[in-house]
Amino acid sequence: MKFYFTFGSENQPFKGGWVIINADSREQACMLFRAAFQLDDEMINCCNIFGEKEFKRTKMYRENDNFGSACHCELSLKIEKK
């Protein structure tokens, strides 16, 4: 599943735009976000978290713009069994 973490104009990892995180659940997506962008366990430092279906209904998606930025990166967790 894809989760979209959106950002505001200041005090967040990015100014505007969003990050896509591929994960099995919202909880796992939040863990990946924290591992990549946030070193503490406080509240997630983004404006909003959308599922893919929800995000595709937003003006951000339709215009590919959020405060002058779009997608910054896409992350996923790959577990390989040996």
N, C-alpha and C. Protein backbone atom coordinates (compact mmCIF):
# COMPACT_ATOMS: atom_id res chain seq x y z
N MET A 1 0.84 -1.18 0.00
CA MET A 1 0.00 0.00 0.00
C MET A 1 0.89 1.24 0.00
N LYS A 2 0.39 2.30 -0.63
CA LYS A 2 1.13 3.56 -0.64
C LYS A 2 0.51 4.54 0.34
N PHE A 3 1.38 5.20 1.10
CA PHE A 3 0.96 6.24 2.03
C PHE A 3 1.70 7.52 1.67
N TYR A 4 0.98 8.62 1.67
CA TYR A 4 1.53 9.91 1.27
C TYR A 4 1.64 10.81 2.50
N PHE A 5 2.85 11.20 2.84
CA PHE A 5 3.12 12.08 3.98
C PHE A 5 3.33 13.48 3.40
N THR A 6 2.44 14.41 3.73
CA THR A 6 2.52 15.76 3.15
C THR A 6 3.17 16.73 4.14
N PHE A 7 3.71 17.82 3.58
CA PHE A 7 4.45 18.79 4.39
C PHE A 7 3.91 20.20 4.18
N GLY A 8 4.09 21.02 5.21
CA GLY A 8 3.67 22.41 5.18
C GLY A 8 4.81 23.32 4.76
N SER A 9 4.72 24.56 5.21
CA SER A 9 5.67 25.56 4.74
C SER A 9 6.93 25.67 5.59
N GLU A 10 6.93 25.12 6.82
CA GLU A 10 8.16 25.22 7.62
C GLU A 10 8.16 24.22 8.78
N ASN A 11 9.35 24.04 9.39
CA ASN A 11 9.56 23.19 10.57
C ASN A 11 9.23 21.71 10.34
N GLN A 12 9.40 21.25 9.11
CA GLN A 12 9.21 19.84 8.79
C GLN A 12 10.38 19.39 7.91
N PRO A 13 10.54 18.09 7.67
CA PRO A 13 11.69 17.63 6.90
C PRO A 13 11.82 18.27 5.51
N PHE A 14 10.70 18.63 4.90
CA PHE A 14 10.69 19.29 3.59
C PHE A 14 9.75 20.48 3.64
N LYS A 15 9.95 21.42 2.75
CA LYS A 15 9.02 22.54 2.60
C LYS A 15 8.07 22.18 1.46
N GLY A 16 6.83 21.92 1.81
CA GLY A 16 5.84 21.53 0.82
C GLY A 16 6.10 20.15 0.25
N GLY A 17 5.25 19.75 -0.67
CA GLY A 17 5.40 18.46 -1.31
C GLY A 17 4.99 17.30 -0.43
N TRP A 18 5.47 16.11 -0.80
CA TRP A 18 5.13 14.91 -0.06
C TRP A 18 6.18 13.84 -0.28
N VAL A 19 6.10 12.81 0.55
CA VAL A 19 6.93 11.62 0.45
C VAL A 19 5.97 10.44 0.36
N ILE A 20 6.25 9.50 -0.53
CA ILE A 20 5.45 8.29 -0.65
C ILE A 20 6.18 7.17 0.07
N ILE A 21 5.46 6.47 0.93
CA ILE A 21 6.05 5.32 1.63
C ILE A 21 5.21 4.09 1.34
N ASN A 22 5.86 3.07 0.80
CA ASN A 22 5.22 1.79 0.52
C ASN A 22 5.35 0.91 1.75
N ALA A 23 4.22 0.49 2.29
CA ALA A 23 4.24 -0.31 3.52
C ALA A 23 3.00 -1.19 3.58
N ASP A 24 3.04 -2.18 4.46
CA ASP A 24 1.90 -3.08 4.62
C ASP A 24 0.77 -2.45 5.43
N SER A 25 1.09 -1.44 6.24
CA SER A 25 0.08 -0.80 7.08
C SER A 25 0.48 0.65 7.35
N ARG A 26 -0.46 1.42 7.84
CA ARG A 26 -0.18 2.81 8.22
C ARG A 26 0.87 2.86 9.33
N GLU A 27 0.76 1.94 10.28
CA GLU A 27 1.72 1.88 11.39
C GLU A 27 3.14 1.63 10.86
N GLN A 28 3.28 0.69 9.94
CA GLN A 28 4.60 0.41 9.36
C GLN A 28 5.11 1.62 8.58
N ALA A 29 4.23 2.30 7.86
CA ALA A 29 4.62 3.49 7.11
C ALA A 29 5.15 4.57 8.06
N CYS A 30 4.51 4.74 9.19
CA CYS A 30 4.96 5.72 10.18
C CYS A 30 6.33 5.34 10.75
N MET A 31 6.55 4.05 10.96
CA MET A 31 7.86 3.60 11.45
C MET A 31 8.95 3.89 10.42
N LEU A 32 8.66 3.66 9.14
CA LEU A 32 9.64 3.95 8.09
C LEU A 32 9.90 5.45 7.98
N PHE A 33 8.84 6.25 8.11
CA PHE A 33 9.00 7.71 8.07
C PHE A 33 9.93 8.16 9.19
N ARG A 34 9.66 7.67 10.39
CA ARG A 34 10.50 8.05 11.54
C ARG A 34 11.95 7.62 11.33
N ALA A 35 12.16 6.42 10.81
CA ALA A 35 13.53 5.93 10.59
C ALA A 35 14.28 6.80 9.59
N ALA A 36 13.58 7.31 8.60
CA ALA A 36 14.23 8.10 7.55
C ALA A 36 14.36 9.59 7.89
N PHE A 37 13.37 10.16 8.58
CA PHE A 37 13.31 11.62 8.70
C PHE A 37 13.22 12.16 10.13
N GLN A 38 13.07 11.30 11.12
CA GLN A 38 12.78 11.79 12.46
C GLN A 38 13.47 10.90 13.48
N LEU A 39 14.32 11.46 14.30
CA LEU A 39 15.11 10.66 15.23
C LEU A 39 14.46 10.48 16.60
N ASP A 40 13.27 11.03 16.80
CA ASP A 40 12.61 10.88 18.09
C ASP A 40 11.25 10.20 17.90
N ASP A 41 10.63 9.87 19.01
CA ASP A 41 9.33 9.19 18.95
C ASP A 41 8.17 10.14 19.19
N GLU A 42 8.40 11.42 19.01
CA GLU A 42 7.31 12.37 19.20
C GLU A 42 6.32 12.26 18.05
N MET A 43 5.36 13.15 18.03
CA MET A 43 4.35 13.16 16.99
C MET A 43 5.02 13.20 15.60
N ILE A 44 4.44 12.49 14.66
CA ILE A 44 4.98 12.47 13.29
C ILE A 44 5.08 13.90 12.77
N ASN A 45 6.24 14.27 12.24
CA ASN A 45 6.50 15.64 11.81
C ASN A 45 6.13 15.83 10.34
N CYS A 46 4.82 15.84 10.08
CA CYS A 46 4.30 16.12 8.74
C CYS A 46 2.91 16.74 8.92
N CYS A 47 2.34 17.23 7.84
CA CYS A 47 1.01 17.84 7.94
C CYS A 47 -0.11 16.80 7.99
N ASN A 48 -0.01 15.81 7.10
CA ASN A 48 -1.08 14.83 7.00
C ASN A 48 -0.54 13.54 6.41
N ILE A 49 -1.26 12.46 6.63
CA ILE A 49 -0.92 11.16 6.05
C ILE A 49 -2.17 10.67 5.32
N PHE A 50 -2.01 10.40 4.04
CA PHE A 50 -3.12 9.93 3.22
C PHE A 50 -2.84 8.53 2.71
N GLY A 51 -3.89 7.72 2.58
CA GLY A 51 -3.79 6.50 1.79
C GLY A 51 -3.82 6.91 0.32
N GLU A 52 -3.47 5.99 -0.57
CA GLU A 52 -3.38 6.34 -1.99
C GLU A 52 -4.72 6.81 -2.56
N LYS A 53 -5.79 6.12 -2.23
CA LYS A 53 -7.11 6.48 -2.75
C LYS A 53 -7.50 7.89 -2.30
N GLU A 54 -7.27 8.19 -1.02
CA GLU A 54 -7.58 9.53 -0.48
C GLU A 54 -6.74 10.60 -1.17
N PHE A 55 -5.43 10.31 -1.31
CA PHE A 55 -4.53 11.31 -1.86
C PHE A 55 -4.89 11.65 -3.30
N LYS A 56 -5.31 10.66 -4.06
CA LYS A 56 -5.65 10.90 -5.47
C LYS A 56 -6.89 11.77 -5.64
N ARG A 57 -7.61 12.03 -4.55
CA ARG A 57 -8.77 12.93 -4.61
C ARG A 57 -8.41 14.37 -4.24
N THR A 58 -7.14 14.61 -3.89
CA THR A 58 -6.74 15.95 -3.44
C THR A 58 -6.31 16.84 -4.59
N LYS A 59 -6.37 18.13 -4.33
CA LYS A 59 -5.87 19.12 -5.28
C LYS A 59 -4.36 18.96 -5.47
N MET A 60 -3.65 18.56 -4.40
CA MET A 60 -2.20 18.34 -4.49
C MET A 60 -1.89 17.32 -5.58
N TYR A 61 -2.63 16.24 -5.59
CA TYR A 61 -2.40 15.18 -6.59
C TYR A 61 -2.76 15.68 -7.99
N ARG A 62 -3.93 16.28 -8.12
CA ARG A 62 -4.39 16.73 -9.44
C ARG A 62 -3.46 17.75 -10.05
N GLU A 63 -2.90 18.65 -9.22
CA GLU A 63 -2.04 19.72 -9.73
C GLU A 63 -0.55 19.40 -9.56
N ASN A 64 -0.23 18.25 -8.96
CA ASN A 64 1.15 17.85 -8.68
C ASN A 64 1.92 18.99 -8.00
N ASP A 65 1.27 19.57 -6.98
CA ASP A 65 1.87 20.72 -6.31
C ASP A 65 1.35 20.84 -4.88
N ASN A 66 2.26 21.14 -3.96
CA ASN A 66 1.92 21.43 -2.57
C ASN A 66 2.97 22.42 -2.07
N PHE A 67 2.59 23.67 -1.94
CA PHE A 67 3.52 24.74 -1.54
C PHE A 67 4.74 24.80 -2.46
N GLY A 68 4.51 24.62 -3.76
CA GLY A 68 5.59 24.75 -4.74
C GLY A 68 6.45 23.52 -4.92
N SER A 69 6.11 22.42 -4.27
CA SER A 69 6.87 21.17 -4.42
C SER A 69 5.92 20.02 -4.72
N ALA A 70 6.49 18.91 -5.16
CA ALA A 70 5.70 17.71 -5.41
C ALA A 70 6.36 16.55 -4.65
N CYS A 71 6.47 15.40 -5.27
CA CYS A 71 7.03 14.23 -4.58
C CYS A 71 8.54 14.37 -4.41
N HIS A 72 9.00 14.29 -3.17
CA HIS A 72 10.44 14.38 -2.88
C HIS A 72 11.13 13.03 -3.06
N CYS A 73 10.46 11.94 -2.66
CA CYS A 73 11.05 10.61 -2.81
C CYS A 73 10.00 9.56 -2.49
N GLU A 74 10.33 8.32 -2.83
CA GLU A 74 9.47 7.19 -2.51
C GLU A 74 10.32 6.15 -1.79
N LEU A 75 9.83 5.69 -0.64
CA LEU A 75 10.57 4.74 0.19
C LEU A 75 9.79 3.45 0.37
N SER A 76 10.52 2.36 0.55
CA SER A 76 9.88 1.10 0.90
C SER A 76 10.85 0.25 1.69
N LEU A 77 10.33 -0.72 2.37
CA LEU A 77 11.13 -1.64 3.16
C LEU A 77 11.18 -2.96 2.40
N LYS A 78 12.38 -3.44 2.18
CA LYS A 78 12.54 -4.72 1.49
C LYS A 78 13.19 -5.70 2.45
N ILE A 79 12.49 -6.78 2.72
CA ILE A 79 13.01 -7.81 3.61
C ILE A 79 13.34 -9.04 2.76
N GLU A 80 14.58 -9.44 2.79
CA GLU A 80 15.01 -10.61 2.03
C GLU A 80 15.26 -11.77 2.98
N LYS A 81 14.67 -12.90 2.66
CA LYS A 81 14.90 -14.11 3.47
C LYS A 81 16.10 -14.83 2.90
N LYS A 82 16.95 -15.31 3.78
CA LYS A 82 18.17 -16.02 3.34
C LYS A 82 18.09 -17.46 3.72
